[in-house]
Amino acid sequence: MMDKHKRFILGSLMLFVGLLLLTFPSSNITSAFIGVLGTKFSFISLLGFIFMISSFFLLVTTKVSLEEITLRSSIKKNLAILRLTNDAVEDKTVEREINHLIRELKEGNFEAGLGHPGHIEGTDIFYLRGRNGGRLYYHRTGENSYEIVGKSAKGRNQGQVIDKLKKLYIN
């Protein structure tokens, strides 16, 4: 997946190239807008229109993805979850991985780590899974706001964290 900054740069570049191709001396932009294909209409003009339309869609989707995501944590509100989180991040590899998952979530990447997020059945809690066992639990609290509710390490305390979160966030 291309990040939003690269999409913006690519869209801007395509817009610039499209404008250059449309203003190329051999093109007749008026005939293209009216729908009359005159003798001056060329393949370069068509290419210019394709670049312009592509850049429009790319820039529009980039604008939508530039929405700011608000991320906060409620881990410290529950002593048991805090204790389990501290236990999970004793392994520095897992801690780095969870921090990476937090950055990805902040950027709007809800498929960071191993891809499709996990879900705790009966709750609105989802979790991102890292390759080294790090797990980051979160739920949606608003339009573009999310709350981190737990962290765990696979094989170490993942089951305990899921059990605690089920009790706290059961629907």
Protein backbone atom coordinates (compact mmCIF):
# COMPACT_ATOMS: atom_id res chain seq x y z
CA MET A 1 0.00 0.00 0.00
CA MET A 2 1.41 3.37 -1.01
CA ASP A 3 1.54 5.86 1.86
CA LYS A 4 -0.31 9.16 1.63
CA HIS A 5 2.77 11.31 1.06
CA LYS A 6 3.94 9.22 -1.90
CA ARG A 7 0.39 9.29 -3.37
CA PHE A 8 0.33 13.08 -3.05
CA ILE A 9 3.71 13.47 -4.75
CA LEU A 10 2.75 11.03 -7.52
CA GLY A 11 -0.62 12.77 -8.04
CA SER A 12 1.06 16.20 -8.23
CA LEU A 13 3.64 14.89 -10.68
CA MET A 14 0.93 13.34 -12.86
CA LEU A 15 -0.99 16.63 -12.81
CA PHE A 16 2.12 18.51 -13.93
CA VAL A 17 2.86 16.01 -16.73
CA GLY A 18 -0.78 16.11 -17.83
CA LEU A 19 -0.72 19.90 -18.05
CA LEU A 20 2.52 19.77 -20.03
CA LEU A 21 1.08 17.26 -22.47
CA LEU A 22 -2.11 19.29 -22.90
CA THR A 23 -0.19 22.45 -23.67
CA PHE A 24 2.11 20.65 -26.11
CA PRO A 25 2.18 22.73 -29.35
CA SER A 26 0.54 20.09 -31.51
CA SER A 27 -2.58 19.74 -29.34
CA ASN A 28 -5.80 21.66 -29.73
CA ILE A 29 -7.43 21.71 -26.30
CA THR A 30 -10.59 23.47 -27.50
CA SER A 31 -11.56 20.71 -29.88
CA ALA A 32 -10.99 18.12 -27.16
CA PHE A 33 -13.30 19.90 -24.70
CA ILE A 34 -16.06 20.42 -27.26
CA GLY A 35 -15.86 16.83 -28.36
CA VAL A 36 -14.80 17.56 -31.90
CA LEU A 37 -11.73 15.68 -32.95
CA GLY A 38 -9.98 18.08 -35.24
CA THR A 39 -6.85 17.46 -37.19
CA LYS A 40 -4.74 18.96 -34.42
CA PHE A 41 -6.01 16.53 -31.77
CA SER A 42 -3.30 14.00 -31.13
CA PHE A 43 -2.33 11.06 -29.05
CA ILE A 44 -0.33 13.40 -26.80
CA SER A 45 -3.51 15.33 -25.95
CA LEU A 46 -5.28 12.10 -25.09
CA LEU A 47 -2.36 11.08 -22.93
CA GLY A 48 -2.51 14.48 -21.22
CA PHE A 49 -6.20 13.97 -20.38
CA ILE A 50 -5.49 10.50 -19.03
CA PHE A 51 -2.75 11.91 -16.78
CA MET A 52 -5.04 14.72 -15.59
CA ILE A 53 -7.92 12.37 -14.76
CA SER A 54 -5.61 9.89 -13.03
CA SER A 55 -4.00 12.63 -10.97
CA PHE A 56 -7.45 13.92 -9.97
CA PHE A 57 -8.48 10.53 -8.57
CA LEU A 58 -5.12 10.02 -6.89
CA LEU A 59 -5.23 13.44 -5.22
CA VAL A 60 -8.85 13.00 -4.11
CA THR A 61 -8.11 9.64 -2.47
CA THR A 62 -5.01 11.15 -0.87
CA LYS A 63 -7.08 14.00 0.59
CA VAL A 64 -9.49 11.49 2.10
CA SER A 65 -6.63 9.51 3.62
CA LEU A 66 -5.05 12.64 5.13
CA GLU A 67 -7.75 12.72 7.79
CA GLU A 68 -6.02 12.89 11.16
CA ILE A 69 -6.42 9.87 13.40
CA THR A 70 -6.60 10.49 17.12
CA LEU A 71 -5.08 7.76 19.23
CA ARG A 72 -5.17 7.57 23.01
CA SER A 73 -4.53 4.87 25.57
CA SER A 74 -6.61 3.63 28.49
CA ILE A 75 -4.17 0.94 29.60
CA LYS A 76 -3.30 2.77 32.84
CA LYS A 77 -6.97 2.85 33.89
CA ASN A 78 -6.95 -0.86 34.72
CA LEU A 79 -4.23 -2.19 37.02
CA ALA A 80 -4.47 -5.79 35.73
CA ILE A 81 -4.14 -4.70 32.08
CA LEU A 82 -1.24 -2.40 33.00
CA ARG A 83 0.55 -5.25 34.77
CA LEU A 84 0.06 -7.59 31.80
CA THR A 85 1.23 -4.87 29.39
CA ASN A 86 4.40 -4.32 31.42
CA ASP A 87 4.99 -8.07 31.43
CA ALA A 88 4.63 -8.21 27.63
CA VAL A 89 7.06 -5.37 26.93
CA GLU A 90 9.82 -6.85 29.09
CA ASP A 91 10.90 -8.52 25.85
CA LYS A 92 12.49 -5.60 23.95
CA THR A 93 11.76 -7.17 20.56
CA VAL A 94 8.06 -7.33 21.42
CA GLU A 95 8.18 -3.77 22.76
CA ARG A 96 9.73 -2.44 19.52
CA GLU A 97 7.18 -4.35 17.50
CA ILE A 98 4.25 -2.98 19.51
CA ASN A 99 5.62 0.55 19.16
CA HIS A 100 5.80 -0.02 15.39
CA LEU A 101 2.18 -1.23 15.39
CA ILE A 102 1.16 1.93 17.30
CA ARG A 103 2.84 4.13 14.68
CA GLU A 104 1.12 2.21 11.88
CA LEU A 105 -2.26 2.49 13.60
CA LYS A 106 -1.71 6.24 14.00
CA GLU A 107 -1.09 6.44 10.24
CA GLY A 108 -4.36 4.63 9.55
CA ASN A 109 -2.87 1.26 8.63
CA PHE A 110 -5.35 -1.17 10.17
CA GLU A 111 -3.66 -4.17 8.56
CA ALA A 112 -0.17 -3.62 9.95
CA GLY A 113 1.89 -6.58 11.09
CA LEU A 114 0.52 -9.90 9.86
CA GLY A 115 -2.30 -8.32 7.87
CA HIS A 116 -5.96 -8.70 8.70
CA PRO A 117 -6.53 -7.62 12.34
CA GLY A 118 -7.78 -10.06 14.92
CA HIS A 119 -11.07 -9.54 16.76
CA ILE A 120 -12.09 -10.47 20.28
CA GLU A 121 -15.47 -12.14 19.92
CA GLY A 122 -18.35 -10.47 21.76
CA THR A 123 -16.56 -7.11 21.97
CA ASP A 124 -15.64 -4.19 19.76
CA ILE A 125 -11.92 -4.84 20.36
CA PHE A 126 -9.60 -5.52 17.44
CA TYR A 127 -5.90 -6.25 17.58
CA LEU A 128 -2.89 -5.96 15.34
CA ARG A 129 -0.49 -8.90 15.32
CA GLY A 130 3.25 -8.61 14.84
CA ARG A 131 5.54 -11.32 13.50
CA ASN A 132 7.53 -11.47 16.74
CA GLY A 133 4.48 -12.02 18.94
CA GLY A 134 3.54 -8.43 19.80
CA ARG A 135 -0.19 -7.74 20.02
CA LEU A 136 -1.85 -4.30 20.16
CA TYR A 137 -5.52 -4.16 21.21
CA TYR A 138 -7.70 -1.19 20.27
CA HIS A 139 -11.27 -0.11 19.62
CA ARG A 140 -12.94 2.74 17.79
CA THR A 141 -14.24 5.60 19.93
CA GLY A 142 -15.25 8.11 17.25
CA GLU A 143 -15.11 9.01 13.56
CA ASN A 144 -11.30 9.09 13.41
CA SER A 145 -10.43 8.28 17.00
CA TYR A 146 -9.24 5.04 18.50
CA GLU A 147 -8.29 3.90 21.98
CA ILE A 148 -5.51 1.45 22.81
CA VAL A 149 -6.86 -0.88 25.49
CA GLY A 150 -4.08 -3.44 25.86
CA LYS A 151 -0.78 -4.94 24.76
CA SER A 152 0.40 -8.53 24.98
CA ALA A 153 2.95 -11.03 23.77
CA LYS A 154 1.87 -14.20 21.97
CA GLY A 155 2.63 -17.29 24.04
CA ARG A 156 3.40 -15.20 27.09
CA ASN A 157 0.20 -13.50 28.22
CA GLN A 158 -2.07 -13.08 25.18
CA GLY A 159 -4.79 -15.33 26.63
CA GLN A 160 -4.82 -13.46 29.93
CA VAL A 161 -5.11 -10.07 28.23
CA ILE A 162 -7.94 -11.30 25.99
CA ASP A 163 -9.81 -12.69 29.01
CA LYS A 164 -9.47 -9.37 30.88
CA LEU A 165 -10.56 -7.36 27.85
CA LYS A 166 -13.59 -9.62 27.32
CA LYS A 167 -14.71 -8.94 30.89
CA LEU A 168 -14.21 -5.20 30.54
CA TYR A 169 -15.63 -4.65 27.03
CA ILE A 170 -18.30 -7.35 26.62
CA ASN A 171 -21.17 -6.12 24.37
